[in-house]
Protein backbone atom coordinates (compact mmCIF):
# COMPACT_ATOMS: atom_id res chain seq x y z
CA MET A 1 -15.44 -6.30 -15.28
CA ILE A 2 -14.90 -6.88 -18.87
CA VAL A 3 -18.19 -5.38 -19.51
CA MET A 4 -18.02 -1.67 -18.13
CA ALA A 5 -14.59 -1.87 -19.41
CA LEU A 6 -15.66 -2.47 -23.02
CA LEU A 7 -18.66 0.44 -22.45
CA ASP A 8 -15.25 2.36 -21.04
CA ASN A 9 -13.37 2.09 -24.73
CA ALA A 10 -10.44 0.61 -22.04
CA PHE A 11 -8.40 -1.60 -24.33
CA ARG A 12 -5.80 -1.23 -26.90
CA SER A 13 -7.37 -4.64 -29.23
CA GLU A 14 -9.72 -4.66 -31.99
CA VAL A 15 -12.17 -5.74 -29.64
CA ARG A 16 -15.53 -3.71 -28.88
CA SER A 17 -18.08 -5.94 -27.58
CA ILE A 18 -18.63 -9.66 -25.91
CA GLU A 19 -19.63 -10.59 -29.76
CA ASP A 20 -15.60 -9.98 -30.50
CA ILE A 21 -14.69 -11.39 -27.11
CA TYR A 22 -16.67 -14.71 -28.48
CA ARG A 23 -15.80 -14.69 -31.80
CA THR A 24 -11.63 -14.32 -30.94
CA ARG A 25 -10.24 -18.20 -31.01
CA VAL A 26 -7.00 -18.86 -28.45
CA GLN A 27 -4.05 -20.22 -30.36
CA ALA A 28 -2.53 -22.82 -28.26
CA PRO A 29 -0.63 -23.78 -26.70
CA ARG A 30 -1.86 -20.48 -24.85
CA HIS A 31 -4.80 -20.94 -22.58
CA SER A 32 -5.84 -16.93 -22.34
CA LEU A 33 -6.18 -13.65 -23.84
CA GLU A 34 -4.26 -11.22 -22.54
CA PHE A 35 -5.80 -6.90 -23.25
CA LYS A 36 -3.53 -4.34 -23.21
CA TRP A 37 -5.48 -1.68 -21.22
CA LYS A 38 -5.30 2.43 -22.93
CA GLN A 39 -2.60 4.72 -21.11
CA ASP A 40 -5.32 6.87 -20.01
CA LYS A 41 -8.00 4.69 -18.85
CA LEU A 42 -4.97 2.98 -16.43
CA LYS A 43 -6.07 5.07 -13.62
CA THR A 44 -9.74 5.26 -14.49
CA PRO A 45 -12.06 3.61 -11.29
CA ILE A 46 -14.02 0.50 -12.78
CA PHE A 47 -16.48 1.19 -10.12
CA ARG A 48 -17.78 4.98 -10.20
CA GLN A 49 -20.31 7.13 -9.03
CA ALA A 50 -23.37 8.50 -10.08
CA GLU A 51 -23.58 12.06 -10.45
CA ARG A 52 -26.64 14.51 -11.30
CA THR A 53 -26.12 16.56 -13.97
CA PRO A 54 -27.97 18.82 -16.48
CA THR A 55 -29.36 16.20 -18.24
CA GLY A 56 -30.05 13.59 -15.98
CA ILE A 57 -28.09 11.02 -13.99
CA GLU A 58 -24.79 9.84 -15.03
CA THR A 59 -21.56 7.54 -14.54
CA SER A 60 -18.62 9.53 -13.27
CA GLU A 61 -15.76 9.94 -15.14
CA THR A 62 -13.33 9.93 -12.13
CA GLU A 63 -15.01 10.13 -9.03
CA ALA A 64 -14.78 6.04 -7.79
CA LEU A 65 -17.95 4.27 -6.32
CA ARG A 66 -18.22 4.87 -2.24
CA TYR A 67 -17.83 1.77 -0.09
CA HIS A 68 -20.82 2.59 1.66
CA THR A 69 -22.82 3.81 -1.39
CA HIS A 70 -22.59 0.37 -3.07
CA LEU A 71 -23.16 -1.40 0.01
CA TYR A 72 -26.43 0.60 0.05
CA TYR A 73 -27.35 -0.59 -3.35
CA LEU A 74 -26.78 -4.42 -2.78
CA GLN A 75 -28.67 -3.78 0.20
CA ARG A 76 -31.65 -2.40 -1.56
CA LEU A 77 -31.09 -5.26 -3.97
CA GLY A 78 -30.99 -7.66 -1.81
CA LEU A 79 -34.60 -6.72 -0.09
CA ALA A 80 -36.01 -5.95 -3.70
CA THR A 81 -35.19 -9.65 -4.76
CA GLY A 82 -36.73 -11.24 -1.38
CA PHE A 83 -33.44 -12.41 0.65
CA LEU A 84 -34.38 -13.15 3.89
CA GLN A 85 -30.69 -11.94 4.95
CA ILE A 86 -29.12 -8.87 4.35
CA LEU A 87 -26.79 -9.10 0.56
CA THR A 88 -23.76 -9.14 0.87
CA SER A 89 -20.19 -8.74 -1.25
CA TYR A 90 -19.78 -12.00 0.83
CA CYS A 91 -22.48 -13.83 -0.40
CA ILE A 92 -21.95 -12.88 -4.13
CA ARG A 93 -18.02 -13.58 -4.17
CA ARG A 94 -19.08 -16.68 -2.30
CA GLY A 95 -22.32 -18.10 -4.87
CA SER A 96 -19.56 -16.96 -7.57
CA GLY A 97 -17.24 -19.60 -6.08
CA GLU A 98 -18.96 -22.05 -5.58
CA ALA A 99 -20.77 -22.27 -8.81
CA VAL A 100 -17.60 -22.18 -10.28
CA GLU A 101 -16.70 -25.25 -8.86
CA GLY A 102 -19.48 -26.69 -9.94
CA GLY A 103 -21.04 -26.99 -6.46
CA THR A 104 -24.39 -25.49 -5.21
CA CYS A 105 -24.71 -21.90 -4.13
CA LEU A 106 -27.15 -21.68 -0.56
CA LEU A 107 -27.41 -18.66 1.50
CA ASN A 108 -27.68 -19.58 5.07
């Protein structure tokens, strides 16, 4: 999500790339950084629909990605990568959680 916000130039800070984030040092006693959003980006959906334009396919500036479109893309990704079961958002959420906790991620 951070990458998408960076590509949209959504932050009020001087951070413009992932490299800028890695170069930034957190000052003690804090353990995190706070990024302020630009006012004009607060109502912009993070996940947006693709739309056909005269120059090709582009990401919509205002149209939110529909759930069924997301599901369709996710299922196609699962088939293309050879998963035996249908790939769902839950699989990704569970796998991410297990990776953070240091466990192994096995899709049953």
